[in-house]
């Protein structure tokens, strides 16, 4: 699992990981939202660990909501 988490992917692969679209990722970057990314010139890459952390941050536990 650590090898996967240390991997960098482009916006198409990143969108698949978070069940979104590449255009949504582009919009979020423009708005300063969404998962962390790395930019080198015009090349944008996402760390898989950052994508997984981004998804985990939005987790809602139904058992805790009612408390």
N, C-alpha and C. Protein backbone atom coordinates (compact mmCIF):
# COMPACT_ATOMS: atom_id res chain seq x y z
N UNK A 1 0.82 -1.21 0.00
CA UNK A 1 0.00 0.00 0.00
C UNK A 1 0.86 1.26 0.00
N UNK A 2 2.02 1.24 0.67
CA UNK A 2 2.87 2.43 0.72
C UNK A 2 3.35 2.84 -0.66
N UNK A 3 3.63 1.86 -1.54
CA UNK A 3 4.06 2.20 -2.89
C UNK A 3 2.98 2.97 -3.62
N UNK A 4 1.75 2.58 -3.43
CA UNK A 4 0.64 3.28 -4.08
C UNK A 4 0.51 4.69 -3.53
N UNK A 5 0.64 4.85 -2.23
CA UNK A 5 0.47 6.16 -1.60
C UNK A 5 1.58 7.13 -1.99
N UNK A 6 2.75 6.64 -2.37
CA UNK A 6 3.86 7.51 -2.76
C UNK A 6 3.86 7.79 -4.26
N UNK A 7 2.86 7.36 -4.96
CA UNK A 7 2.77 7.52 -6.41
C UNK A 7 2.10 8.85 -6.77
N UNK A 8 2.54 9.41 -7.87
CA UNK A 8 1.94 10.64 -8.38
C UNK A 8 1.19 10.33 -9.66
N UNK A 9 0.02 10.95 -9.82
CA UNK A 9 -0.83 10.69 -10.98
C UNK A 9 -1.26 12.01 -11.62
N UNK A 10 -1.66 11.93 -12.89
CA UNK A 10 -2.15 13.13 -13.58
C UNK A 10 -3.61 13.38 -13.20
N UNK A 11 -4.19 14.44 -13.77
CA UNK A 11 -5.56 14.80 -13.37
C UNK A 11 -6.60 13.77 -13.81
N UNK A 12 -6.36 13.06 -14.90
CA UNK A 12 -7.32 12.04 -15.35
C UNK A 12 -7.34 10.88 -14.35
N UNK A 13 -6.15 10.41 -13.96
CA UNK A 13 -6.08 9.31 -12.99
C UNK A 13 -6.59 9.76 -11.62
N UNK A 14 -6.25 10.99 -11.23
CA UNK A 14 -6.69 11.52 -9.94
C UNK A 14 -8.22 11.59 -9.88
N UNK A 15 -8.82 12.02 -10.97
CA UNK A 15 -10.29 12.12 -11.01
C UNK A 15 -10.93 10.75 -10.82
N UNK A 16 -10.34 9.72 -11.40
CA UNK A 16 -10.87 8.36 -11.22
C UNK A 16 -10.78 7.93 -9.76
N UNK A 17 -9.67 8.26 -9.11
CA UNK A 17 -9.46 7.86 -7.72
C UNK A 17 -10.51 8.48 -6.80
N UNK A 18 -10.86 9.74 -7.06
CA UNK A 18 -11.83 10.41 -6.17
C UNK A 18 -13.24 10.45 -6.77
N UNK A 19 -13.47 9.67 -7.81
CA UNK A 19 -14.79 9.58 -8.46
C UNK A 19 -15.31 10.96 -8.87
N UNK A 20 -14.48 11.67 -9.58
CA UNK A 20 -14.83 13.01 -10.05
C UNK A 20 -14.44 13.10 -11.52
N UNK A 21 -14.36 14.31 -12.04
CA UNK A 21 -13.93 14.49 -13.42
C UNK A 21 -12.67 15.37 -13.44
N UNK A 22 -11.86 15.23 -14.49
CA UNK A 22 -10.69 16.10 -14.61
C UNK A 22 -11.08 17.58 -14.63
N UNK A 23 -12.21 17.90 -15.23
CA UNK A 23 -12.66 19.30 -15.27
C UNK A 23 -12.98 19.83 -13.87
N UNK A 24 -13.56 18.99 -13.03
CA UNK A 24 -13.83 19.40 -11.65
C UNK A 24 -12.53 19.71 -10.94
N UNK A 25 -11.52 18.86 -11.12
CA UNK A 25 -10.21 19.12 -10.50
C UNK A 25 -9.63 20.44 -11.01
N UNK A 26 -9.75 20.71 -12.29
CA UNK A 26 -9.25 21.98 -12.85
C UNK A 26 -9.99 23.16 -12.23
N UNK A 27 -11.30 23.03 -12.12
CA UNK A 27 -12.10 24.10 -11.50
C UNK A 27 -11.67 24.34 -10.06
N UNK A 28 -11.50 23.25 -9.31
CA UNK A 28 -11.08 23.38 -7.91
C UNK A 28 -9.72 24.06 -7.81
N UNK A 29 -8.79 23.69 -8.70
CA UNK A 29 -7.46 24.33 -8.67
C UNK A 29 -7.60 25.82 -8.90
N UNK A 30 -8.44 26.20 -9.85
CA UNK A 30 -8.66 27.62 -10.16
C UNK A 30 -9.26 28.36 -8.96
N UNK A 31 -10.14 27.67 -8.22
CA UNK A 31 -10.81 28.28 -7.07
C UNK A 31 -10.03 28.13 -5.77
N UNK A 32 -8.90 27.42 -5.81
CA UNK A 32 -8.11 27.21 -4.59
C UNK A 32 -8.72 26.18 -3.67
N UNK A 33 -9.47 25.23 -4.23
CA UNK A 33 -10.12 24.17 -3.45
C UNK A 33 -9.57 22.82 -3.87
N UNK A 34 -10.16 21.79 -3.29
CA UNK A 34 -9.83 20.42 -3.71
C UNK A 34 -8.56 19.89 -3.09
N UNK A 35 -8.13 18.73 -3.58
CA UNK A 35 -6.95 18.08 -3.01
C UNK A 35 -5.67 18.84 -3.36
N UNK A 36 -4.65 18.65 -2.52
CA UNK A 36 -3.34 19.26 -2.78
C UNK A 36 -2.78 18.71 -4.08
N UNK A 37 -1.98 19.53 -4.76
CA UNK A 37 -1.37 19.11 -6.01
C UNK A 37 0.01 19.72 -6.14
N UNK A 38 0.77 19.18 -7.07
CA UNK A 38 2.11 19.68 -7.37
C UNK A 38 2.12 20.17 -8.80
N UNK A 39 2.73 21.32 -9.03
CA UNK A 39 2.76 21.88 -10.38
C UNK A 39 4.19 22.19 -10.76
N UNK A 40 4.56 21.75 -11.93
CA UNK A 40 5.89 22.02 -12.49
C UNK A 40 5.66 22.54 -13.91
N UNK A 41 5.77 23.84 -14.09
CA UNK A 41 5.42 24.42 -15.39
C UNK A 41 3.93 24.25 -15.61
N UNK A 42 3.58 23.58 -16.70
CA UNK A 42 2.16 23.31 -16.99
C UNK A 42 1.72 21.94 -16.50
N UNK A 43 2.67 21.15 -16.03
CA UNK A 43 2.37 19.78 -15.59
C UNK A 43 1.82 19.78 -14.16
N UNK A 44 0.67 19.17 -13.98
CA UNK A 44 0.04 19.05 -12.66
C UNK A 44 -0.01 17.58 -12.28
N UNK A 45 0.42 17.28 -11.06
CA UNK A 45 0.39 15.91 -10.56
C UNK A 45 -0.19 15.90 -9.15
N UNK A 46 -0.88 14.81 -8.84
CA UNK A 46 -1.47 14.61 -7.52
C UNK A 46 -0.81 13.41 -6.86
N UNK A 47 -0.50 13.54 -5.58
CA UNK A 47 0.01 12.41 -4.81
C UNK A 47 -1.20 11.57 -4.39
N UNK A 48 -1.11 10.27 -4.60
CA UNK A 48 -2.24 9.38 -4.27
C UNK A 48 -2.60 9.50 -2.79
N UNK A 49 -1.61 9.63 -1.92
CA UNK A 49 -1.88 9.78 -0.48
C UNK A 49 -2.72 11.04 -0.23
N UNK A 50 -2.38 12.14 -0.90
CA UNK A 50 -3.15 13.38 -0.74
C UNK A 50 -4.59 13.20 -1.21
N UNK A 51 -4.78 12.44 -2.28
CA UNK A 51 -6.14 12.18 -2.78
C UNK A 51 -6.94 11.36 -1.78
N UNK A 52 -6.30 10.33 -1.22
CA UNK A 52 -6.98 9.48 -0.24
C UNK A 52 -7.30 10.27 1.03
N UNK A 53 -6.37 11.13 1.46
CA UNK A 53 -6.61 11.98 2.63
C UNK A 53 -7.75 12.97 2.37
N UNK A 54 -7.80 13.51 1.16
CA UNK A 54 -8.88 14.44 0.78
C UNK A 54 -10.23 13.75 0.88
N UNK A 55 -10.31 12.53 0.39
CA UNK A 55 -11.57 11.78 0.46
C UNK A 55 -11.93 11.45 1.92
N UNK A 56 -10.95 11.07 2.72
CA UNK A 56 -11.20 10.72 4.12
C UNK A 56 -11.68 11.94 4.91
N UNK A 57 -11.21 13.12 4.55
CA UNK A 57 -11.59 14.34 5.26
C UNK A 57 -13.08 14.64 5.10
N UNK A 58 -13.68 14.15 4.04
CA UNK A 58 -15.10 14.39 3.81
C UNK A 58 -16.00 13.31 4.36
N UNK A 59 -15.42 12.38 5.11
CA UNK A 59 -16.18 11.25 5.65
C UNK A 59 -17.16 11.73 6.71
N UNK A 60 -18.38 11.23 6.62
CA UNK A 60 -19.41 11.53 7.61
C UNK A 60 -19.86 10.22 8.23
N UNK A 61 -19.77 10.12 9.54
CA UNK A 61 -20.17 8.92 10.25
C UNK A 61 -21.61 9.12 10.73
N UNK A 62 -22.57 8.40 10.15
CA UNK A 62 -23.98 8.59 10.53
C UNK A 62 -24.23 8.39 12.02
N UNK A 63 -23.48 7.51 12.65
CA UNK A 63 -23.66 7.26 14.09
C UNK A 63 -23.29 8.50 14.91
N UNK A 64 -22.32 9.26 14.45
CA UNK A 64 -21.85 10.44 15.18
C UNK A 64 -22.71 11.68 14.89
N UNK A 65 -23.41 11.68 13.78
CA UNK A 65 -24.22 12.85 13.40
C UNK A 65 -25.33 13.13 14.40
N UNK A 66 -25.97 12.08 14.88
CA UNK A 66 -27.09 12.25 15.78
C UNK A 66 -26.69 12.54 17.22
N UNK A 67 -25.42 12.40 17.52
CA UNK A 67 -24.97 12.57 18.91
C UNK A 67 -24.89 14.01 19.32
